[in-house]
Amino acid sequence: MAERSTSAVDVADNSGDEPLTAKADQSTSDGVAQDRERETDSEEAQGSGGTESPGKASPPELHSGHKLARRYRLEECVTRLDGFSSWRAVDEKLRRAVGVHLLPADHPRARSVLAAARSSALLGDPRFVQVLDAVEENDLVYVVHEWLPDATELTALLASGPLEVHEAYQMVSQVSQAMAAAHREGLAHLRLTPGAVLRTSSGQWRIRGLAVNAALRGISSDTPQRTDTEAIGALLYASLTQRWPYESDAYGLSGLPKDVGLIAPDQVRAGVHRGLSELAMRALANDGATASRHESPCTTPEELVKAIGEMPRIRPPEPAFTAPPEYQRTSYQQGTYGRPSPPGAGQPVTAPPPPLQSRTGKALKWAVSALLIAALGLGSWQLADALMDRGNKSDDTKQTHTTDGNDKNGDKTKPVRPIAIKDAQEYYPDGKPQHPADVRLTYDGDSTTYWRTYSYTGGPTLAPYKQGVGIVYDLGSTQSVSAASIALNYGGDHTTVSLYAAGSMSSSAPVDSMRKIATGTTSGRQLKIATDKAVDARYVLVWITAAPYSGKDQYSGAGYKQAITDVKFTG
């Protein structure tokens, strides 16, 4: 059957991708919206087994500026379709951008949308765009979800060409693992299109609309695992070939030639990774009728995860090496510029050997001391000791001490011992978390992943809105902590961070009940904080009280925020 082209329904799925919103606005102004409304059902082509029937209720007559629950201010209507509407909005309580799906309470799908949203919210998996609220109020049903302005949907990524092989491998791995986890909890997506898969600025892949997008459109399936598995195969196929694996064009991609059937990606485009090509076919041809190159089909996301695990791991491409410029020898190496160098001036000059004193000074001092002791005899021990002390002090003055600027006593004799982080939890005593699911990214050893704060408008100091934001780290047992190294994602202005010795991993214990052990400020992206003396603690709070201006957020109008990419403690 015919696969539908990019439509207003696909635009409704947007939960934070900035380019998609811009695309929707442009399409409306160019008069393309009329074509988008004349859509056919795409789910049959993807094998979902579900259809979308028009709802009887009219979409709510709301406008920009309207507030829901005296909290969510509607900013821009992304689309209206089949009795529901989708909006970009602002959560004025937490000062952040969110997405909102709205439909009348008497809409025939209102109950199923509420149930799907609440089930999705209970999953709490950070690989999915999170449902933040699901409410029935004043004859309206609305679902509030995350809005990710720094993420790009797969549709936009494929507009410029197929994905690099490692990117395609990461996409199918992360999406398969996420959907396997969802199905273990009894949740299906059923509308896993290129518009539902996002790549964040840190390189992570996120899935939006779990269960909710299908409920909004009345899509169901008797074989949900097979439906989602086939959809993942279609995503991988498109990522490898920049073609949609069905005859009709869809999502800005050309379909396959007519009457040739489903052919492997490495037969559509030269240079496609053979293992990934076979994987796509095993997911797409999953009804048992055909199999790719005699491989068994994958009928569930779990089987797809297992098949990916059996493949040789695909490593990221090596960074391109740029050869240094060739050294240009000149004849004016010596003498006054403009005069030719004397013969032999271009020959390498051999440095003279270091003076004897620099190499054997310490040995000579000890030898002289020994001779003096032998000469003066047993009655001259005091004189010999004095000479020995003088020699030791002279040696000390010739040593070079290196500090990093935060070493307050200059004592480098004690070796630095790294302390492993066993666990972490976001700390929010005001009951308003930032991104608690991402705290593990601050000690995963990957500098491209991070935990971030929300954006604030009151200036670098967060005090007008919050005492601060931070993370409590568990060191596994009581450790002697002397310093912390904190890598930050944003530079500029001033970032102020304090370390506290906490009594537990509690996210609500008052910060005043903890012992402050150090404070540091930086305008760069690296902050090293040293304590006056080592402190025994198992739990350490990293507490941010001032953040830099990191650019204006066009959705929430805020710009002061910070993100932690890596935290290390030493003792």
Protein backbone atom coordinates (compact mmCIF):
# COMPACT_ATOMS: atom_id res chain seq x y z
CA MET A 1 0.00 0.00 0.00
CA ALA A 2 0.99 3.57 -0.43
CA GLU A 3 3.23 5.10 2.23
CA ARG A 4 2.25 8.64 3.19
CA SER A 5 4.61 11.53 2.73
CA THR A 6 5.74 13.88 5.49
CA SER A 7 2.53 15.28 6.89
CA ALA A 8 1.04 17.43 9.57
CA VAL A 9 0.82 14.28 11.67
CA ASP A 10 4.59 13.94 11.53
CA VAL A 11 5.00 17.57 12.51
CA ALA A 12 2.75 16.94 15.51
CA ASP A 13 5.32 14.50 16.85
CA ASN A 14 7.84 17.29 17.41
CA SER A 15 8.92 17.55 21.02
CA GLY A 16 11.81 19.88 20.73
CA ASP A 17 13.52 19.71 17.38
CA GLU A 18 14.05 23.27 16.32
CA PRO A 19 14.56 22.68 12.58
CA LEU A 20 11.30 20.71 12.34
CA THR A 21 9.27 23.58 13.80
CA ALA A 22 10.86 25.95 11.34
CA LYS A 23 10.02 23.53 8.55
CA ALA A 24 6.41 23.37 9.59
CA ASP A 25 6.07 27.15 9.62
CA GLN A 26 7.67 27.46 6.20
CA SER A 27 5.46 24.75 4.77
CA THR A 28 2.35 26.54 5.95
CA SER A 29 3.48 29.84 4.47
CA ASP A 30 4.34 28.18 1.16
CA GLY A 31 0.92 26.64 0.86
CA VAL A 32 2.17 23.10 1.34
CA ALA A 33 -0.08 22.51 4.33
CA GLN A 34 -2.98 21.71 2.00
CA ASP A 35 -0.95 18.85 0.49
CA ARG A 36 -0.03 17.59 3.94
CA GLU A 37 -3.66 17.31 4.94
CA ARG A 38 -4.33 14.98 2.02
CA GLU A 39 -2.49 12.07 3.57
CA THR A 40 -2.96 8.32 3.44
CA ASP A 41 -2.29 5.82 6.15
CA SER A 42 1.43 4.99 6.43
CA GLU A 43 1.13 2.34 9.07
CA GLU A 44 -0.09 -0.40 6.67
CA ALA A 45 3.07 0.02 4.60
CA GLN A 46 5.09 -0.38 7.78
CA GLY A 47 3.11 -3.44 8.84
CA SER A 48 1.65 -1.93 12.00
CA GLY A 49 -1.78 -3.39 11.35
CA GLY A 50 -3.46 -0.19 12.56
CA THR A 51 -5.47 2.50 10.81
CA GLU A 52 -6.28 6.07 11.67
CA SER A 53 -9.93 7.12 11.62
CA PRO A 54 -11.12 10.70 11.98
CA GLY A 55 -12.37 11.71 15.41
CA LYS A 56 -15.78 13.24 15.89
CA ALA A 57 -14.74 15.92 18.38
CA SER A 58 -13.37 19.29 17.24
CA PRO A 59 -9.93 20.44 18.36
CA PRO A 60 -9.95 22.77 21.38
CA GLU A 61 -10.23 26.42 20.40
CA LEU A 62 -7.16 27.67 22.21
CA HIS A 63 -4.73 30.42 21.35
CA SER A 64 -1.15 31.45 22.00
CA GLY A 65 -0.81 32.78 25.55
CA HIS A 66 -3.47 30.48 27.03
CA LYS A 67 -2.39 28.82 30.30
CA LEU A 68 -3.11 25.29 31.44
CA ALA A 69 -3.15 24.63 35.19
CA ARG A 70 -1.90 28.21 35.66
CA ARG A 71 1.49 26.87 34.66
CA TYR A 72 1.85 25.79 31.02
CA ARG A 73 1.67 28.80 28.66
CA LEU A 74 0.91 27.84 25.07
CA GLU A 75 3.32 29.53 22.65
CA GLU A 76 2.87 28.08 19.16
CA CYS A 77 0.49 25.56 17.64
CA VAL A 78 2.58 23.03 15.76
CA THR A 79 -0.40 21.29 14.16
CA ARG A 80 -4.15 20.61 14.37
CA LEU A 81 -5.36 17.28 13.09
CA ASP A 82 -8.17 14.80 13.67
CA GLY A 83 -9.54 16.45 16.79
CA PHE A 84 -6.27 17.04 18.66
CA SER A 85 -3.61 19.75 18.54
CA SER A 86 0.07 19.87 19.46
CA TRP A 87 1.79 22.94 20.89
CA ARG A 88 5.14 24.28 21.89
CA ALA A 89 4.68 25.73 25.38
CA VAL A 90 6.57 27.09 28.39
CA ASP A 91 6.43 25.65 31.89
CA GLU A 92 6.45 28.93 33.83
CA LYS A 93 7.00 27.17 37.13
CA LEU A 94 10.26 25.51 36.07
CA ARG A 95 11.06 28.07 33.33
CA ARG A 96 11.62 25.56 30.56
CA ALA A 97 10.18 24.71 27.16
CA VAL A 98 7.78 21.77 26.94
CA GLY A 99 5.52 20.16 24.36
CA VAL A 100 1.78 19.71 24.88
CA HIS A 101 -0.77 17.45 23.15
CA LEU A 102 -4.39 18.69 23.63
CA LEU A 103 -7.73 17.06 22.88
CA PRO A 104 -11.30 17.39 24.21
CA ALA A 105 -12.22 15.19 27.14
CA ASP A 106 -15.07 13.71 25.08
CA HIS A 107 -12.74 12.78 22.21
CA PRO A 108 -13.15 9.05 21.42
CA ARG A 109 -9.44 8.48 22.08
CA ALA A 110 -9.07 10.69 25.18
CA ARG A 111 -9.12 7.77 27.64
CA SER A 112 -6.57 5.72 25.70
CA VAL A 113 -4.26 8.75 25.33
CA LEU A 114 -4.33 9.35 29.09
CA ALA A 115 -3.62 5.68 29.81
CA ALA A 116 -0.77 5.54 27.28
CA ALA A 117 0.81 8.74 28.64
CA ARG A 118 0.70 7.54 32.24
CA SER A 119 2.16 4.16 31.32
CA SER A 120 4.96 5.82 29.37
CA ALA A 121 5.72 8.17 32.27
CA LEU A 122 6.08 5.21 34.65
CA LEU A 123 8.79 3.67 32.45
CA GLY A 124 11.20 6.51 33.30
CA ASP A 125 13.82 5.38 30.77
CA PRO A 126 16.08 8.35 29.77
CA ARG A 127 16.36 6.96 26.24
CA PHE A 128 12.76 8.09 25.66
CA VAL A 129 11.47 11.66 25.59
CA GLN A 130 9.80 11.81 28.98
CA VAL A 131 6.10 12.41 29.64
CA LEU A 132 5.99 15.05 32.38
CA ASP A 133 2.24 15.33 33.04
CA ALA A 134 -1.05 13.78 31.89
CA VAL A 135 -4.17 15.61 33.09
CA GLU A 136 -7.92 15.82 32.49
CA GLU A 137 -9.14 19.30 33.43
CA ASN A 138 -11.91 21.69 32.34
CA ASP A 139 -13.21 19.38 29.58
CA LEU A 140 -9.68 19.04 28.22
CA VAL A 141 -7.16 16.22 28.22
CA TYR A 142 -3.54 17.30 27.83
CA VAL A 143 -0.21 15.48 27.84
CA VAL A 144 2.95 17.45 28.65
CA HIS A 145 6.30 16.11 27.47
CA GLU A 146 9.93 17.15 27.17
CA TRP A 147 10.97 19.57 24.44
CA LEU A 148 14.53 19.06 23.20
CA PRO A 149 15.74 22.16 21.35
CA ASP A 150 19.29 20.77 21.02
CA ALA A 151 18.22 17.54 19.30
CA THR A 152 17.89 16.78 15.58
CA GLU A 153 15.46 14.26 14.18
CA LEU A 154 16.61 11.47 11.88
CA THR A 155 14.54 12.96 9.03
CA ALA A 156 16.70 16.10 9.06
CA LEU A 157 19.95 14.11 9.34
CA LEU A 158 19.07 12.00 6.29
CA ALA A 159 18.24 15.07 4.21
CA SER A 160 21.97 15.58 3.58
CA GLY A 161 22.80 11.91 2.89
CA PRO A 162 23.09 8.46 4.52
CA LEU A 163 24.56 8.20 7.99
CA GLU A 164 28.20 7.30 8.49
CA VAL A 165 28.42 3.57 9.27
CA HIS A 166 29.32 4.02 12.95
CA GLU A 167 26.45 6.50 13.40
CA ALA A 168 24.02 4.03 11.82
CA TYR A 169 25.37 1.29 14.10
CA GLN A 170 24.92 3.49 17.19
CA MET A 171 21.40 4.46 16.12
CA VAL A 172 20.14 0.91 15.59
CA SER A 173 21.89 -0.34 18.74
CA GLN A 174 20.47 2.33 21.05
CA VAL A 175 16.97 2.30 19.53
CA SER A 176 16.78 -1.51 19.65
CA GLN A 177 17.93 -1.63 23.27
CA ALA A 178 15.43 1.07 24.27
CA MET A 179 12.50 -0.65 22.54
CA ALA A 180 13.47 -4.02 24.03
CA ALA A 181 13.33 -2.42 27.49
CA ALA A 182 9.93 -0.87 26.69
CA HIS A 183 8.45 -4.15 25.50
CA ARG A 184 9.66 -5.89 28.65
CA GLU A 185 7.37 -3.46 30.51
CA GLY A 186 4.48 -4.12 28.12
CA LEU A 187 4.82 -0.86 26.13
CA ALA A 188 4.95 -0.56 22.34
CA HIS A 189 5.54 2.42 20.09
CA LEU A 190 3.73 1.39 16.85
CA ARG A 191 4.71 4.66 15.14
CA LEU A 192 8.50 4.49 15.09
CA THR A 193 9.23 6.74 12.10
CA PRO A 194 12.32 8.87 11.27
CA GLY A 195 10.49 11.80 12.85
CA ALA A 196 10.28 9.93 16.17
CA VAL A 197 14.02 9.32 16.52
CA LEU A 198 16.27 12.18 17.68
CA ARG A 199 20.03 12.57 18.04
CA THR A 200 21.06 14.95 20.82
CA SER A 201 24.03 17.31 20.71
CA SER A 202 25.96 14.82 22.89
CA GLY A 203 25.48 12.04 20.32
CA GLN A 204 22.83 10.10 22.23
CA TRP A 205 19.70 8.81 20.47
CA ARG A 206 16.28 9.48 22.01
CA ILE A 207 12.81 8.18 21.03
CA ARG A 208 9.69 10.31 21.39
CA GLY A 209 6.03 9.43 21.45
CA LEU A 210 6.27 6.00 23.10
CA ALA A 211 2.68 4.64 23.17
CA VAL A 212 1.25 8.20 23.07
CA ASN A 213 1.66 8.92 19.34
CA ALA A 214 -0.13 5.71 18.42
CA ALA A 215 -2.91 6.39 20.96
CA LEU A 216 -3.46 9.89 19.55
CA ARG A 217 -4.08 8.36 16.12
CA GLY A 218 -5.95 5.25 17.20
CA ILE A 219 -3.22 2.91 15.92
CA SER A 220 -3.07 -0.62 17.31
CA SER A 221 -1.45 -3.90 16.33
CA ASP A 222 -1.99 -7.58 17.06
CA THR A 223 1.80 -8.11 16.83
CA PRO A 224 3.32 -5.03 18.47
CA GLN A 225 6.82 -6.48 18.85
CA ARG A 226 7.01 -7.46 15.19
CA THR A 227 5.64 -4.03 14.20
CA ASP A 228 8.30 -2.15 16.16
CA THR A 229 11.05 -4.49 14.97
CA GLU A 230 10.12 -3.92 11.34
CA ALA A 231 10.04 -0.17 11.98
CA ILE A 232 13.60 -0.31 13.39
CA GLY A 233 14.66 -2.22 10.28
CA ALA A 234 13.15 0.53 8.11
CA LEU A 235 15.05 3.18 10.10
CA LEU A 236 18.33 1.31 9.60
CA TYR A 237 17.59 0.76 5.90
CA ALA A 238 16.96 4.49 5.43
CA SER A 239 20.09 5.39 7.42
CA LEU A 240 22.26 3.20 5.17
CA THR A 241 20.75 4.08 1.78
CA GLN A 242 18.85 7.38 2.15
CA ARG A 243 15.90 5.45 0.63
CA TRP A 244 12.60 4.38 2.21
CA PRO A 245 12.27 0.55 1.97
CA TYR A 246 8.81 0.66 0.38
CA GLU A 247 7.62 1.72 -3.05
CA SER A 248 6.13 5.06 -2.03
CA ASP A 249 8.17 8.10 -1.06
CA ALA A 250 7.99 9.08 2.62
CA TYR A 251 9.63 11.39 5.18
CA GLY A 252 11.54 13.26 2.48
CA LEU A 253 13.05 9.99 1.16
CA SER A 254 12.55 8.32 -2.20
CA GLY A 255 10.97 4.88 -2.19
CA LEU A 256 12.31 1.77 -3.91
CA PRO A 257 11.78 1.23 -7.63
CA LYS A 258 8.41 -0.20 -8.58
CA ASP A 259 7.91 -3.94 -8.91
CA VAL A 260 11.39 -4.96 -7.67
CA GLY A 261 10.36 -5.91 -4.14
CA LEU A 262 12.49 -5.50 -1.06
CA ILE A 263 16.19 -5.59 -1.99
CA ALA A 264 19.13 -5.48 0.41
CA PRO A 265 20.67 -2.07 1.21
CA ASP A 266 24.08 -3.09 -0.19
CA GLN A 267 22.33 -3.73 -3.54
CA VAL A 268 20.79 -0.25 -3.50
CA ARG A 269 23.93 1.72 -2.71
CA ALA A 270 27.60 0.85 -3.08
CA GLY A 271 29.79 0.76 0.00
CA VAL A 272 27.07 -0.18 2.49
CA HIS A 273 28.34 -2.18 5.47
CA ARG A 274 27.37 -5.79 4.77
CA GLY A 275 26.64 -6.72 8.39
CA LEU A 276 24.27 -3.79 8.86
CA SER A 277 22.66 -4.51 5.48
CA GLU A 278 21.86 -8.07 6.58
CA LEU A 279 20.60 -6.80 9.94
CA ALA A 280 18.15 -4.44 8.22
CA MET A 281 16.82 -7.27 6.06
CA ARG A 282 16.42 -9.61 9.04
CA ALA A 283 14.28 -6.96 10.75
CA LEU A 284 12.24 -6.04 7.67
CA ALA A 285 11.64 -9.58 6.36
CA ASN A 286 10.44 -10.81 9.74
CA ASP A 287 7.28 -12.67 8.79
CA GLY A 288 9.15 -15.92 8.12
CA ALA A 289 8.36 -15.83 4.39
CA THR A 290 11.82 -14.65 3.40
CA ALA A 291 15.15 -14.20 5.10
CA SER A 292 18.25 -12.24 4.19
CA ARG A 293 21.03 -14.46 2.87
CA HIS A 294 19.75 -17.47 4.80
CA GLU A 295 19.87 -15.63 8.14
CA SER A 296 16.94 -16.13 10.50
CA PRO A 297 14.55 -13.16 10.75
CA CYS A 298 14.31 -10.96 13.86
CA THR A 299 10.74 -10.71 15.11
CA THR A 300 11.26 -8.82 18.39
CA PRO A 301 13.51 -5.94 19.50
CA GLU A 302 15.16 -8.37 21.95
CA GLU A 303 16.17 -10.64 19.06
CA LEU A 304 17.47 -7.59 17.22
CA VAL A 305 19.61 -6.63 20.23
CA LYS A 306 21.01 -10.17 20.34
CA ALA A 307 21.80 -10.07 16.61
CA ILE A 308 23.61 -6.74 17.01
CA GLY A 309 25.61 -8.19 19.90
CA GLU A 310 26.77 -11.08 17.71
CA MET A 311 28.13 -8.69 15.08
CA PRO A 312 31.76 -7.50 15.18
CA ARG A 313 31.73 -4.12 16.89
CA ILE A 314 31.92 -1.19 14.49
CA ARG A 315 34.40 1.37 15.77
CA PRO A 316 34.20 5.11 15.15
CA PRO A 317 36.27 6.47 12.28
CA GLU A 318 39.82 7.50 13.06
CA PRO A 319 40.32 11.28 13.16
CA ALA A 320 41.92 12.63 10.01
CA PHE A 321 45.67 13.20 10.42
CA THR A 322 47.05 16.51 9.20
CA ALA A 323 50.78 16.45 8.53
CA PRO A 324 52.71 19.36 10.09
CA PRO A 325 54.10 21.94 7.64
CA GLU A 326 57.54 21.14 6.29
CA TYR A 327 60.35 22.99 8.08
CA GLN A 328 61.89 25.62 5.81
CA ARG A 329 65.63 26.07 6.39
CA THR A 330 66.94 29.60 5.84
CA SER A 331 70.47 30.87 5.29
CA TYR A 332 69.96 33.76 7.73
CA GLN A 333 70.20 31.77 10.93
CA GLN A 334 73.08 33.79 12.35
CA GLY A 335 74.42 37.31 12.05
CA THR A 336 72.51 40.41 11.03
CA TYR A 337 69.51 40.05 8.70
CA GLY A 338 70.58 40.80 5.12
CA ARG A 339 74.07 39.39 5.48
CA PRO A 340 74.88 35.84 4.43
CA SER A 341 75.83 33.44 7.17
CA PRO A 342 79.44 32.34 7.44
CA PRO A 343 80.37 28.86 6.18
CA GLY A 344 79.08 26.10 8.41
CA ALA A 345 76.41 28.32 9.96
CA GLY A 346 73.63 26.05 8.70
CA GLN A 347 75.10 22.98 10.40
CA PRO A 348 73.38 21.75 13.57
CA VAL A 349 75.04 23.04 16.71
CA THR A 350 75.79 20.45 19.36
CA ALA A 351 74.86 21.64 22.81
CA PRO A 352 77.69 21.49 25.35
CA PRO A 353 77.36 18.81 28.02
CA PRO A 354 75.73 19.93 31.23
CA PRO A 355 78.14 21.17 33.88
CA LEU A 356 79.51 18.64 36.28
CA GLN A 357 77.85 20.34 39.23
CA SER A 358 74.32 19.84 37.80
CA ARG A 359 74.87 16.11 37.36
CA THR A 360 76.91 15.08 40.35
CA GLY A 361 76.44 17.94 42.79
CA LYS A 362 74.52 15.86 45.26
CA ALA A 363 77.06 13.03 45.13
CA LEU A 364 79.95 15.44 45.79
CA LYS A 365 78.18 16.97 48.77
CA TRP A 366 77.72 13.56 50.36
CA ALA A 367 81.35 12.62 49.64
CA VAL A 368 82.65 15.83 51.23
CA SER A 369 80.47 15.23 54.27
CA ALA A 370 81.79 11.68 54.64
CA LEU A 371 85.41 12.88 54.40
CA LEU A 372 84.83 15.53 57.03
CA ILE A 373 83.30 12.99 59.37
CA ALA A 374 86.25 10.64 58.92
CA ALA A 375 88.79 13.47 59.43
CA LEU A 376 87.29 14.98 62.55
CA GLY A 377 86.75 11.67 64.27
CA LEU A 378 84.27 10.61 66.82
CA GLY A 379 84.48 13.93 68.74
CA SER A 380 83.24 15.98 65.74
CA TRP A 381 79.78 14.43 65.18
CA GLN A 382 77.97 17.72 65.88
CA LEU A 383 80.03 19.57 63.28
CA ALA A 384 79.43 16.80 60.78
CA ASP A 385 75.66 16.85 61.45
CA ALA A 386 75.59 20.62 60.87
CA LEU A 387 77.38 20.22 57.56
CA MET A 388 74.96 17.45 56.58
CA ASP A 389 71.95 19.66 57.39
CA ARG A 390 73.46 22.48 55.35
CA GLY A 391 73.96 20.15 52.43
CA ASN A 392 70.37 18.93 52.63
CA LYS A 393 68.99 22.47 52.68
CA SER A 394 71.13 23.37 49.69
CA ASP A 395 69.69 20.37 47.82
CA ASP A 396 66.14 21.45 48.65
CA THR A 397 66.69 24.92 47.23
CA LYS A 398 67.69 23.40 43.91
CA GLN A 399 64.48 21.34 43.54
CA THR A 400 61.62 22.63 41.42
CA HIS A 401 58.08 22.45 42.88
CA THR A 402 55.18 22.43 40.41
CA THR A 403 51.67 23.37 41.47
CA ASP A 404 48.45 23.81 39.54
CA GLY A 405 47.51 27.10 41.18
CA ASN A 406 45.14 25.48 43.65
CA ASP A 407 47.84 23.80 45.77
CA LYS A 408 47.79 26.00 48.84
CA ASN A 409 50.84 24.61 50.63
CA GLY A 410 52.96 23.57 47.65
CA ASP A 411 53.55 20.12 49.15
CA LYS A 412 53.73 17.57 46.37
CA THR A 413 55.48 14.82 48.28
CA LYS A 414 52.28 12.90 48.97
CA PRO A 415 51.09 10.95 45.89
CA VAL A 416 47.67 11.83 44.44
CA ARG A 417 45.23 8.92 44.68
CA PRO A 418 42.13 8.80 42.43
CA ILE A 419 38.87 7.92 44.18
CA ALA A 420 36.32 5.88 42.23
CA ILE A 421 32.68 7.02 42.13
CA LYS A 422 30.25 4.18 42.85
CA ASP A 423 26.91 5.95 42.45
CA ALA A 424 25.33 9.41 42.18
CA GLN A 425 21.97 11.12 42.56
CA GLU A 426 20.71 14.58 41.69
CA TYR A 427 20.29 16.85 44.73
CA TYR A 428 17.20 19.12 44.75
CA PRO A 429 16.06 20.10 48.26
CA ASP A 430 13.33 22.35 46.80
CA GLY A 431 11.65 19.32 45.19
CA LYS A 432 12.32 20.54 41.62
CA PRO A 433 14.77 18.23 39.82
CA GLN A 434 16.74 19.17 36.70
CA HIS A 435 17.69 16.00 34.77
CA PRO A 436 18.06 13.22 37.39
CA ALA A 437 18.31 10.44 34.80
CA ASP A 438 21.53 11.93 33.38
CA VAL A 439 23.69 12.11 36.54
CA ARG A 440 25.51 8.90 35.60
CA LEU A 441 26.84 10.68 32.50
CA THR A 442 29.08 12.80 34.74
CA TYR A 443 31.30 9.84 35.66
CA ASP A 444 30.90 7.47 32.70
CA GLY A 445 34.34 8.32 31.30
CA ASP A 446 32.81 9.86 28.15
CA SER A 447 33.50 13.59 27.84
CA THR A 448 30.78 13.99 25.19
CA THR A 449 27.95 13.14 27.60
CA TYR A 450 26.75 15.38 30.38
CA TRP A 451 24.15 16.31 33.00
CA ARG A 452 22.78 19.83 32.58
CA THR A 453 20.78 22.38 34.50
CA TYR A 454 17.80 24.23 33.16
CA SER A 455 18.22 27.79 31.86
CA TYR A 456 17.56 30.81 34.08
CA THR A 457 17.17 34.49 33.26
CA GLY A 458 18.04 36.23 36.53
CA GLY A 459 21.80 36.36 35.95
CA PRO A 460 24.75 34.14 36.80
CA THR A 461 23.65 33.73 40.43
CA LEU A 462 20.80 31.20 40.64
CA ALA A 463 19.53 32.60 43.97
CA PRO A 464 16.43 34.38 42.55
CA TYR A 465 15.06 30.96 41.53
CA LYS A 466 16.99 28.29 43.43
CA GLN A 467 19.56 27.91 46.19
CA GLY A 468 21.60 25.99 43.67
CA VAL A 469 21.68 22.79 41.65
CA GLY A 470 23.92 19.79 42.11
CA ILE A 471 24.70 16.10 42.40
CA VAL A 472 25.59 13.92 45.43
CA TYR A 473 28.30 11.34 44.69
CA ASP A 474 28.74 8.05 46.59
CA LEU A 475 32.40 7.03 46.91
CA GLY A 476 31.45 3.54 48.15
CA SER A 477 33.05 3.96 51.59
CA THR A 478 34.55 6.72 53.70
CA GLN A 479 37.47 8.23 51.77
CA SER A 480 40.03 10.95 52.46
CA VAL A 481 39.01 13.60 49.89
CA SER A 482 41.45 16.40 49.10
CA ALA A 483 40.43 17.69 45.65
CA ALA A 484 37.89 17.49 42.83
CA SER A 485 38.33 18.02 39.10
CA ILE A 486 35.13 19.11 37.33
CA ALA A 487 34.82 19.38 33.54
CA LEU A 488 32.08 21.79 32.43
CA ASN A 489 30.25 22.11 29.12
CA TYR A 490 29.86 25.90 29.08
CA GLY A 491 32.49 28.59 29.60
CA GLY A 492 32.09 32.35 30.05
CA ASP A 493 31.02 34.58 32.93
CA HIS A 494 31.65 32.75 36.21
CA THR A 495 30.70 29.28 37.37
CA THR A 496 30.78 28.86 41.15
CA VAL A 497 30.90 25.35 42.60
CA SER A 498 31.15 24.25 46.24
CA LEU A 499 31.93 20.84 47.71
CA TYR A 500 30.03 19.58 50.76
CA ALA A 501 30.55 16.47 52.87
CA ALA A 502 27.05 14.96 52.96
CA GLY A 503 25.64 12.41 55.37
CA SER A 504 23.71 10.39 52.77
CA MET A 505 22.50 10.25 49.16
CA SER A 506 19.30 12.08 50.12
CA SER A 507 18.09 14.57 47.51
CA SER A 508 16.18 16.62 50.10
CA ALA A 509 18.53 17.00 53.09
CA PRO A 510 19.08 20.75 53.78
CA VAL A 511 22.39 21.99 52.43
CA ASP A 512 22.90 23.87 55.70
CA SER A 513 23.12 20.52 57.48
CA MET A 514 26.19 19.58 55.44
CA ARG A 515 29.82 20.59 55.96
CA LYS A 516 31.28 22.84 53.28
CA ILE A 517 34.80 21.68 52.48
CA ALA A 518 35.83 23.80 49.46
CA THR A 519 34.62 26.38 46.92
CA GLY A 520 35.93 27.29 43.48
CA THR A 521 35.09 29.70 40.65
CA THR A 522 36.07 29.60 36.99
CA SER A 523 35.22 31.31 33.71
CA GLY A 524 36.52 28.36 31.69
CA ARG A 525 35.40 24.78 31.21
CA GLN A 526 37.69 23.12 33.75
CA LEU A 527 37.51 23.67 37.51
CA LYS A 528 39.89 22.17 40.07
CA ILE A 529 38.92 22.57 43.72
CA ALA A 530 41.30 21.67 46.56
CA THR A 531 40.42 21.44 50.25
CA ASP A 532 42.52 23.13 52.96
CA LYS A 533 43.17 19.67 54.31
CA ALA A 534 41.91 16.20 53.46
CA VAL A 535 38.33 15.51 54.62
CA ASP A 536 36.93 12.08 55.44
CA ALA A 537 33.60 11.57 53.62
CA ARG A 538 31.68 8.92 51.75
CA TYR A 539 29.12 11.25 50.13
CA VAL A 540 30.24 14.48 48.43
CA LEU A 541 27.84 17.11 47.07
CA VAL A 542 28.93 19.13 44.02
CA TRP A 543 26.78 22.27 44.38
CA ILE A 544 26.50 24.91 41.61
CA THR A 545 25.33 28.34 42.79
CA ALA A 546 26.28 30.47 39.75
CA ALA A 547 26.21 29.58 36.03
CA PRO A 548 27.47 31.35 32.89
CA TYR A 549 25.45 32.89 30.09
CA SER A 550 25.45 30.21 27.40
CA GLY A 551 23.31 31.75 24.68
CA LYS A 552 19.68 32.69 24.43
CA ASP A 553 17.10 29.91 24.44
CA GLN A 554 14.50 30.96 21.88
CA TYR A 555 11.76 28.90 23.54
CA SER A 556 12.08 29.82 27.21
CA GLY A 557 13.93 33.12 26.78
CA ALA A 558 16.54 32.01 29.33
CA GLY A 559 20.26 31.84 28.96
CA TYR A 560 22.15 31.09 32.20
CA LYS A 561 22.92 27.40 32.63
CA GLN A 562 25.73 24.90 33.12
CA ALA A 563 26.42 21.25 32.39
CA ILE A 564 28.86 18.80 34.01
CA THR A 565 30.59 16.37 31.66
CA ASP A 566 33.09 14.72 33.98
CA VAL A 567 33.79 14.65 37.76
CA LYS A 568 36.85 13.10 39.42
CA PHE A 569 37.83 13.06 43.09
CA THR A 570 41.33 12.55 44.47
CA GLY A 571 42.64 11.94 47.96
